[in-house]
Amino acid sequence: MSGYPAGRMGVDPRAKSAALWGLVGFLSFLVLVQSYALLATPIVTITGALGLGLVVGLAAGIGAYVLEPRLAARAADRRTE
């Protein structure tokens, strides 16, 4: 517990969570591309991999931001059953 009132200081927790999921998606994609490059012939250049990783990270972040309230509501409904 940080001691700060919710929503008063810093970034919105939902936006922070989505940004972190986007970062996880970005880094996971780069690890996947690097692993493939170590085992076989690289299919994209490093700049291409960074660009694709950025797209994957943005998609993961936006998906997390959109789906988080729905998943939380579904989990709350399942808890009441």
PDB file of N, CA and C in Angstrom:
ATOM      1  N   MET A   1       0.850  -1.175   0.000  1.00  0.00           N
ATOM      2  CA  MET A   1       0.000   0.000   0.000  1.00  0.00           C
ATOM      3  C   MET A   1       0.887   1.227   0.000  1.00  0.00           C
ATOM      4  N   SER A   2       0.637   2.138  -0.929  1.00  0.00           N
ATOM      5  CA  SER A   2       1.528   3.276  -1.104  1.00  0.00           C
ATOM      6  C   SER A   2       1.235   4.427  -0.153  1.00  0.00           C
ATOM      7  N   GLY A   3       0.065   4.521   0.387  1.00  0.00           N
ATOM      8  CA  GLY A   3      -0.279   5.623   1.266  1.00  0.00           C
ATOM      9  C   GLY A   3      -0.932   6.785   0.548  1.00  0.00           C
ATOM     10  N   TYR A   4      -0.941   6.749  -0.782  1.00  0.00           N
ATOM     11  CA  TYR A   4      -1.578   7.817  -1.552  1.00  0.00           C
ATOM     12  C   TYR A   4      -3.033   7.459  -1.810  1.00  0.00           C
ATOM     13  N   PRO A   5      -3.932   8.442  -1.761  1.00  0.00           N
ATOM     14  CA  PRO A   5      -5.327   8.165  -2.117  1.00  0.00           C
ATOM     15  C   PRO A   5      -5.424   7.741  -3.580  1.00  0.00           C
ATOM     16  N   ALA A   6      -6.302   6.824  -3.851  1.00  0.00           N
ATOM     17  CA  ALA A   6      -6.455   6.317  -5.214  1.00  0.00           C
ATOM     18  C   ALA A   6      -6.864   7.438  -6.153  1.00  0.00           C
ATOM     19  N   GLY A   7      -6.183   7.532  -7.281  1.00  0.00           N
ATOM     20  CA  GLY A   7      -6.524   8.508  -8.290  1.00  0.00           C
ATOM     21  C   GLY A   7      -5.996   9.908  -8.035  1.00  0.00           C
ATOM     22  N   ARG A   8      -5.299  10.133  -6.946  1.00  0.00           N
ATOM     23  CA  ARG A   8      -4.807  11.470  -6.616  1.00  0.00           C
ATOM     24  C   ARG A   8      -3.411  11.722  -7.168  1.00  0.00           C
ATOM     25  N   MET A   9      -2.558  10.739  -7.093  1.00  0.00           N
ATOM     26  CA  MET A   9      -1.159  10.901  -7.482  1.00  0.00           C
ATOM     27  C   MET A   9      -0.813   9.901  -8.581  1.00  0.00           C
ATOM     28  N   GLY A  10       0.011  10.318  -9.513  1.00  0.00           N
ATOM     29  CA  GLY A  10       0.546   9.398 -10.505  1.00  0.00           C
ATOM     30  C   GLY A  10      -0.417   9.039 -11.605  1.00  0.00           C
ATOM     31  N   VAL A  11      -0.105   7.946 -12.243  1.00  0.00           N
ATOM     32  CA  VAL A  11      -0.838   7.464 -13.407  1.00  0.00           C
ATOM     33  C   VAL A  11      -2.004   6.598 -12.957  1.00  0.00           C
ATOM     34  N   ASP A  12      -3.076   6.628 -13.740  1.00  0.00           N
ATOM     35  CA  ASP A  12      -4.232   5.773 -13.500  1.00  0.00           C
ATOM     36  C   ASP A  12      -3.772   4.308 -13.466  1.00  0.00           C
ATOM     37  N   PRO A  13      -4.172   3.538 -12.461  1.00  0.00           N
ATOM     38  CA  PRO A  13      -3.710   2.143 -12.374  1.00  0.00           C
ATOM     39  C   PRO A  13      -4.075   1.306 -13.602  1.00  0.00           C
ATOM     40  N   ARG A  14      -5.208   1.570 -14.204  1.00  0.00           N
ATOM     41  CA  ARG A  14      -5.613   0.822 -15.396  1.00  0.00           C
ATOM     42  C   ARG A  14      -4.691   1.123 -16.570  1.00  0.00           C
ATOM     43  N   ALA A  15      -4.315   2.401 -16.733  1.00  0.00           N
ATOM     44  CA  ALA A  15      -3.405   2.787 -17.815  1.00  0.00           C
ATOM     45  C   ALA A  15      -2.001   2.233 -17.545  1.00  0.00           C
ATOM     46  N   LYS A  16      -1.587   2.239 -16.301  1.00  0.00           N
ATOM     47  CA  LYS A  16      -0.270   1.705 -15.947  1.00  0.00           C
ATOM     48  C   LYS A  16      -0.210   0.209 -16.233  1.00  0.00           C
ATOM     49  N   SER A  17      -1.268  -0.504 -15.876  1.00  0.00           N
ATOM     50  CA  SER A  17      -1.323  -1.930 -16.140  1.00  0.00           C
ATOM     51  C   SER A  17      -1.268  -2.206 -17.643  1.00  0.00           C
ATOM     52  N   ALA A  18      -2.012  -1.440 -18.425  1.00  0.00           N
ATOM     53  CA  ALA A  18      -2.024  -1.626 -19.878  1.00  0.00           C
ATOM     54  C   ALA A  18      -0.650  -1.327 -20.474  1.00  0.00           C
ATOM     55  N   ALA A  19       0.017  -0.290 -19.978  1.00  0.00           N
ATOM     56  CA  ALA A  19       1.353   0.043 -20.480  1.00  0.00           C
ATOM     57  C   ALA A  19       2.349  -1.067 -20.158  1.00  0.00           C
ATOM     58  N   LEU A  20       2.232  -1.643 -18.977  1.00  0.00           N
ATOM     59  CA  LEU A  20       3.133  -2.733 -18.618  1.00  0.00           C
ATOM     60  C   LEU A  20       2.865  -3.985 -19.450  1.00  0.00           C
ATOM     61  N   TRP A  21       1.597  -4.279 -19.734  1.00  0.00           N
ATOM     62  CA  TRP A  21       1.285  -5.412 -20.616  1.00  0.00           C
ATOM     63  C   TRP A  21       1.798  -5.159 -22.024  1.00  0.00           C
ATOM     64  N   GLY A  22       1.739  -3.913 -22.474  1.00  0.00           N
ATOM     65  CA  GLY A  22       2.302  -3.570 -23.781  1.00  0.00           C
ATOM     66  C   GLY A  22       3.807  -3.793 -23.808  1.00  0.00           C
ATOM     67  N   LEU A  23       4.485  -3.413 -22.731  1.00  0.00           N
ATOM     68  CA  LEU A  23       5.925  -3.638 -22.635  1.00  0.00           C
ATOM     69  C   LEU A  23       6.250  -5.128 -22.637  1.00  0.00           C
ATOM     70  N   VAL A  24       5.456  -5.904 -21.930  1.00  0.00           N
ATOM     71  CA  VAL A  24       5.656  -7.358 -21.910  1.00  0.00           C
ATOM     72  C   VAL A  24       5.473  -7.934 -23.314  1.00  0.00           C
ATOM     73  N   GLY A  25       4.458  -7.483 -24.033  1.00  0.00           N
ATOM     74  CA  GLY A  25       4.239  -7.953 -25.398  1.00  0.00           C
ATOM     75  C   GLY A  25       5.385  -7.584 -26.322  1.00  0.00           C
ATOM     76  N   PHE A  26       5.882  -6.355 -26.209  1.00  0.00           N
ATOM     77  CA  PHE A  26       6.991  -5.873 -27.024  1.00  0.00           C
ATOM     78  C   PHE A  26       8.243  -6.710 -26.783  1.00  0.00           C
ATOM     79  N   LEU A  27       8.603  -6.876 -25.516  1.00  0.00           N
ATOM     80  CA  LEU A  27       9.814  -7.621 -25.193  1.00  0.00           C
ATOM     81  C   LEU A  27       9.683  -9.103 -25.518  1.00  0.00           C
ATOM     82  N   SER A  28       8.503  -9.665 -25.329  1.00  0.00           N
ATOM     83  CA  SER A  28       8.284 -11.074 -25.658  1.00  0.00           C
ATOM     84  C   SER A  28       8.438 -11.319 -27.152  1.00  0.00           C
ATOM     85  N   PHE A  29       7.941 -10.399 -27.951  1.00  0.00           N
ATOM     86  CA  PHE A  29       8.079 -10.538 -29.398  1.00  0.00           C
ATOM     87  C   PHE A  29       9.545 -10.461 -29.802  1.00  0.00           C
ATOM     88  N   LEU A  30      10.289  -9.539 -29.208  1.00  0.00           N
ATOM     89  CA  LEU A  30      11.708  -9.425 -29.540  1.00  0.00           C
ATOM     90  C   LEU A  30      12.484 -10.677 -29.131  1.00  0.00           C
ATOM     91  N   VAL A  31      12.135 -11.273 -28.000  1.00  0.00           N
ATOM     92  CA  VAL A  31      12.773 -12.519 -27.581  1.00  0.00           C
ATOM     93  C   VAL A  31      12.446 -13.629 -28.571  1.00  0.00           C
ATOM     94  N   LEU A  32      11.214 -13.683 -29.038  1.00  0.00           N
ATOM     95  CA  LEU A  32      10.815 -14.692 -30.012  1.00  0.00           C
ATOM     96  C   LEU A  32      11.596 -14.534 -31.317  1.00  0.00           C
ATOM     97  N   VAL A  33      11.721 -13.310 -31.809  1.00  0.00           N
ATOM     98  CA  VAL A  33      12.459 -13.059 -33.052  1.00  0.00           C
ATOM     99  C   VAL A  33      13.932 -13.419 -32.871  1.00  0.00           C
ATOM    100  N   GLN A  34      14.522 -13.041 -31.735  1.00  0.00           N
ATOM    101  CA  GLN A  34      15.928 -13.351 -31.493  1.00  0.00           C
ATOM    102  C   GLN A  34      16.148 -14.855 -31.374  1.00  0.00           C
ATOM    103  N   SER A  35      15.236 -15.548 -30.732  1.00  0.00           N
ATOM    104  CA  SER A  35      15.356 -17.004 -30.609  1.00  0.00           C
ATOM    105  C   SER A  35      15.292 -17.668 -31.975  1.00  0.00           C
ATOM    106  N   TYR A  36      14.393 -17.203 -32.812  1.00  0.00           N
ATOM    107  CA  TYR A  36      14.293 -17.757 -34.155  1.00  0.00           C
ATOM    108  C   TYR A  36      15.561 -17.471 -34.948  1.00  0.00           C
ATOM    109  N   ALA A  37      16.115 -16.268 -34.787  1.00  0.00           N
ATOM    110  CA  ALA A  37      17.334 -15.914 -35.503  1.00  0.00           C
ATOM    111  C   ALA A  37      18.524 -16.777 -35.055  1.00  0.00           C
ATOM    112  N   LEU A  38      18.539 -17.196 -33.799  1.00  0.00           N
ATOM    113  CA  LEU A  38      19.618 -18.060 -33.328  1.00  0.00           C
ATOM    114  C   LEU A  38      19.501 -19.474 -33.870  1.00  0.00           C
ATOM    115  N   LEU A  39      18.276 -19.936 -34.102  1.00  0.00           N
ATOM    116  CA  LEU A  39      18.060 -21.308 -34.553  1.00  0.00           C
ATOM    117  C   LEU A  39      18.012 -21.453 -36.067  1.00  0.00           C
ATOM    118  N   ALA A  40      17.625 -20.398 -36.771  1.00  0.00           N
ATOM    119  CA  ALA A  40      17.479 -20.454 -38.226  1.00  0.00           C
ATOM    120  C   ALA A  40      17.933 -19.119 -38.817  1.00  0.00           C
ATOM    121  N   THR A  41      17.735 -18.952 -40.088  1.00  0.00           N
ATOM    122  CA  THR A  41      18.089 -17.705 -40.752  1.00  0.00           C
ATOM    123  C   THR A  41      17.129 -16.609 -40.312  1.00  0.00           C
ATOM    124  N   PRO A  42      17.649 -15.433 -39.936  1.00  0.00           N
ATOM    125  CA  PRO A  42      16.763 -14.329 -39.532  1.00  0.00           C
ATOM    126  C   PRO A  42      15.797 -13.960 -40.666  1.00  0.00           C
ATOM    127  N   ILE A  43      14.530 -13.782 -40.320  1.00  0.00           N
ATOM    128  CA  ILE A  43      13.530 -13.469 -41.336  1.00  0.00           C
ATOM    129  C   ILE A  43      13.294 -11.978 -41.485  1.00  0.00           C
ATOM    130  N   VAL A  44      13.690 -11.199 -40.488  1.00  0.00           N
ATOM    131  CA  VAL A  44      13.559  -9.741 -40.559  1.00  0.00           C
ATOM    132  C   VAL A  44      14.834  -9.098 -40.032  1.00  0.00           C
ATOM    133  N   THR A  45      15.066  -7.852 -40.423  1.00  0.00           N
ATOM    134  CA  THR A  45      16.207  -7.107 -39.893  1.00  0.00           C
ATOM    135  C   THR A  45      15.879  -6.639 -38.476  1.00  0.00           C
ATOM    136  N   ILE A  46      16.876  -6.115 -37.801  1.00  0.00           N
ATOM    137  CA  ILE A  46      16.652  -5.662 -36.428  1.00  0.00           C
ATOM    138  C   ILE A  46      15.677  -4.481 -36.395  1.00  0.00           C
ATOM    139  N   THR A  47      15.759  -3.599 -37.390  1.00  0.00           N
ATOM    140  CA  THR A  47      14.821  -2.470 -37.417  1.00  0.00           C
ATOM    141  C   THR A  47      13.412  -2.949 -37.731  1.00  0.00           C
ATOM    142  N   GLY A  48      13.305  -3.950 -38.589  1.00  0.00           N
ATOM    143  CA  GLY A  48      11.992  -4.525 -38.868  1.00  0.00           C
ATOM    144  C   GLY A  48      11.408  -5.209 -37.649  1.00  0.00           C
ATOM    145  N   ALA A  49      12.268  -5.900 -36.904  1.00  0.00           N
ATOM    146  CA  ALA A  49      11.805  -6.564 -35.680  1.00  0.00           C
ATOM    147  C   ALA A  49      11.359  -5.543 -34.642  1.00  0.00           C
ATOM    148  N   LEU A  50      12.094  -4.432 -34.530  1.00  0.00           N
ATOM    149  CA  LEU A  50      11.686  -3.388 -33.590  1.00  0.00           C
ATOM    150  C   LEU A  50      10.350  -2.769 -33.991  1.00  0.00           C
ATOM    151  N   GLY A  51      10.146  -2.550 -35.282  1.00  0.00           N
ATOM    152  CA  GLY A  51       8.873  -2.009 -35.758  1.00  0.00           C
ATOM    153  C   GLY A  51       7.713  -2.952 -35.502  1.00  0.00           C
ATOM    154  N   LEU A  52       7.926  -4.231 -35.827  1.00  0.00           N
ATOM    155  CA  LEU A  52       6.874  -5.221 -35.571  1.00  0.00           C
ATOM    156  C   LEU A  52       6.627  -5.383 -34.076  1.00  0.00           C
ATOM    157  N   GLY A  53       7.691  -5.328 -33.294  1.00  0.00           N
ATOM    158  CA  GLY A  53       7.550  -5.416 -31.844  1.00  0.00           C
ATOM    159  C   GLY A  53       6.752  -4.254 -31.288  1.00  0.00           C
ATOM    160  N   LEU A  54       6.955  -3.072 -31.851  1.00  0.00           N
ATOM    161  CA  LEU A  54       6.178  -1.906 -31.427  1.00  0.00           C
ATOM    162  C   LEU A  54       4.696  -2.109 -31.727  1.00  0.00           C
ATOM    163  N   VAL A  55       4.392  -2.656 -32.887  1.00  0.00           N
ATOM    164  CA  VAL A  55       2.989  -2.931 -33.239  1.00  0.00           C
ATOM    165  C   VAL A  55       2.394  -3.962 -32.287  1.00  0.00           C
ATOM    166  N   VAL A  56       3.150  -5.017 -32.000  1.00  0.00           N
ATOM    167  CA  VAL A  56       2.675  -6.054 -31.078  1.00  0.00           C
ATOM    168  C   VAL A  56       2.465  -5.473 -29.684  1.00  0.00           C
ATOM    169  N   GLY A  57       3.405  -4.636 -29.229  1.00  0.00           N
ATOM    170  CA  GLY A  57       3.285  -4.017 -27.913  1.00  0.00           C
ATOM    171  C   GLY A  57       2.085  -3.091 -27.820  1.00  0.00           C
ATOM    172  N   LEU A  58       1.855  -2.305 -28.869  1.00  0.00           N
ATOM    173  CA  LEU A  58       0.682  -1.428 -28.875  1.00  0.00           C
ATOM    174  C   LEU A  58      -0.611  -2.233 -28.858  1.00  0.00           C
ATOM    175  N   ALA A  59      -0.645  -3.300 -29.638  1.00  0.00           N
ATOM    176  CA  ALA A  59      -1.849  -4.145 -29.660  1.00  0.00           C
ATOM    177  C   ALA A  59      -2.090  -4.793 -28.294  1.00  0.00           C
ATOM    178  N   ALA A  60      -1.029  -5.239 -27.645  1.00  0.00           N
ATOM    179  CA  ALA A  60      -1.173  -5.857 -26.324  1.00  0.00           C
ATOM    180  C   ALA A  60      -1.639  -4.824 -25.297  1.00  0.00           C
ATOM    181  N   GLY A  61      -1.084  -3.625 -25.357  1.00  0.00           N
ATOM    182  CA  GLY A  61      -1.483  -2.576 -24.414  1.00  0.00           C
ATOM    183  C   GLY A  61      -2.916  -2.133 -24.610  1.00  0.00           C
ATOM    184  N   ILE A  62      -3.313  -1.931 -25.856  1.00  0.00           N
ATOM    185  CA  ILE A  62      -4.688  -1.523 -26.144  1.00  0.00           C
ATOM    186  C   ILE A  62      -5.659  -2.643 -25.768  1.00  0.00           C
ATOM    187  N   GLY A  63      -5.283  -3.883 -26.094  1.00  0.00           N
ATOM    188  CA  GLY A  63      -6.131  -5.016 -25.719  1.00  0.00           C
ATOM    189  C   GLY A  63      -6.302  -5.134 -24.220  1.00  0.00           C
ATOM    190  N   ALA A  64      -5.223  -4.934 -23.482  1.00  0.00           N
ATOM    191  CA  ALA A  64      -5.300  -5.003 -22.021  1.00  0.00           C
ATOM    192  C   ALA A  64      -6.176  -3.878 -21.477  1.00  0.00           C
ATOM    193  N   TYR A  65      -6.043  -2.676 -22.035  1.00  0.00           N
ATOM    194  CA  TYR A  65      -6.826  -1.543 -21.551  1.00  0.00           C
ATOM    195  C   TYR A  65      -8.321  -1.754 -21.805  1.00  0.00           C
ATOM    196  N   VAL A  66      -8.650  -2.334 -22.958  1.00  0.00           N
ATOM    197  CA  VAL A  66     -10.054  -2.542 -23.316  1.00  0.00           C
ATOM    198  C   VAL A  66     -10.665  -3.719 -22.564  1.00  0.00           C
ATOM    199  N   LEU A  67      -9.902  -4.795 -22.418  1.00  0.00           N
ATOM    200  CA  LEU A  67     -10.463  -6.021 -21.853  1.00  0.00           C
ATOM    201  C   LEU A  67     -10.425  -6.097 -20.331  1.00  0.00           C
ATOM    202  N   GLU A  68      -9.578  -5.299 -19.688  1.00  0.00           N
ATOM    203  CA  GLU A  68      -9.453  -5.408 -18.232  1.00  0.00           C
ATOM    204  C   GLU A  68     -10.766  -5.201 -17.481  1.00  0.00           C
ATOM    205  N   PRO A  69     -11.574  -4.162 -17.775  1.00  0.00           N
ATOM    206  CA  PRO A  69     -12.835  -4.013 -17.031  1.00  0.00           C
ATOM    207  C   PRO A  69     -13.807  -5.170 -17.275  1.00  0.00           C
ATOM    208  N   ARG A  70     -13.806  -5.686 -18.493  1.00  0.00           N
ATOM    209  CA  ARG A  70     -14.696  -6.810 -18.796  1.00  0.00           C
ATOM    210  C   ARG A  70     -14.297  -8.064 -18.029  1.00  0.00           C
ATOM    211  N   LEU A  71     -12.996  -8.321 -17.988  1.00  0.00           N
ATOM    212  CA  LEU A  71     -12.529  -9.497 -17.252  1.00  0.00           C
ATOM    213  C   LEU A  71     -12.746  -9.336 -15.756  1.00  0.00           C
ATOM    214  N   ALA A  72     -12.576  -8.133 -15.225  1.00  0.00           N
ATOM    215  CA  ALA A  72     -12.808  -7.894 -13.798  1.00  0.00           C
ATOM    216  C   ALA A  72     -14.282  -8.076 -13.452  1.00  0.00           C
ATOM    217  N   ALA A  73     -15.173  -7.594 -14.320  1.00  0.00           N
ATOM    218  CA  ALA A  73     -16.606  -7.763 -14.088  1.00  0.00           C
ATOM    219  C   ALA A  73     -17.000  -9.234 -14.147  1.00  0.00           C
ATOM    220  N   ARG A  74     -16.407  -9.958 -15.077  1.00  0.00           N
ATOM    221  CA  ARG A  74     -16.716 -11.381 -15.198  1.00  0.00           C
ATOM    222  C   ARG A  74     -16.227 -12.146 -13.961  1.00  0.00           C
ATOM    223  N   ALA A  75     -15.037 -11.783 -13.474  1.00  0.00           N
ATOM    224  CA  ALA A  75     -14.506 -12.444 -12.283  1.00  0.00           C
ATOM    225  C   ALA A  75     -15.364 -12.123 -11.062  1.00  0.00           C
ATOM    226  N   ALA A  76     -15.865 -10.883 -10.976  1.00  0.00           N
ATOM    227  CA  ALA A  76     -16.726 -10.511  -9.843  1.00  0.00           C
ATOM    228  C   ALA A  76     -18.048 -11.277  -9.907  1.00  0.00           C
ATOM    229  N   ASP A  77     -18.588 -11.467 -11.099  1.00  0.00           N
ATOM    230  CA  ASP A  77     -19.832 -12.237 -11.246  1.00  0.00           C
ATOM    231  C   ASP A  77     -19.631 -13.701 -10.856  1.00  0.00           C
ATOM    232  N   ARG A  78     -18.485 -14.256 -11.207  1.00  0.00           N
ATOM    233  CA  ARG A  78     -18.231 -15.641 -10.870  1.00  0.00           C
ATOM    234  C   ARG A  78     -18.032 -15.840  -9.371  1.00  0.00           C
ATOM    235  N   ARG A  79     -17.522 -14.803  -8.692  1.00  0.00           N
ATOM    236  CA  ARG A  79     -17.301 -14.882  -7.264  1.00  0.00           C
ATOM    237  C   ARG A  79     -18.622 -14.903  -6.493  1.00  0.00           C
ATOM    238  N   THR A  80     -19.659 -14.262  -7.014  1.00  0.00           N
ATOM    239  CA  THR A  80     -20.934 -14.197  -6.311  1.00  0.00           C
ATOM    240  C   THR A  80     -21.743 -15.475  -6.486  1.00  0.00           C
ATOM    241  N   GLU A  81     -21.407 -16.308  -7.440  1.00  0.00           N
ATOM    242  CA  GLU A  81     -22.159 -17.544  -7.680  1.00  0.00           C
ATOM    243  C   GLU A  81     -21.876 -18.599  -6.662  1.00  0.00           C
TER     244      GLU A  81
END
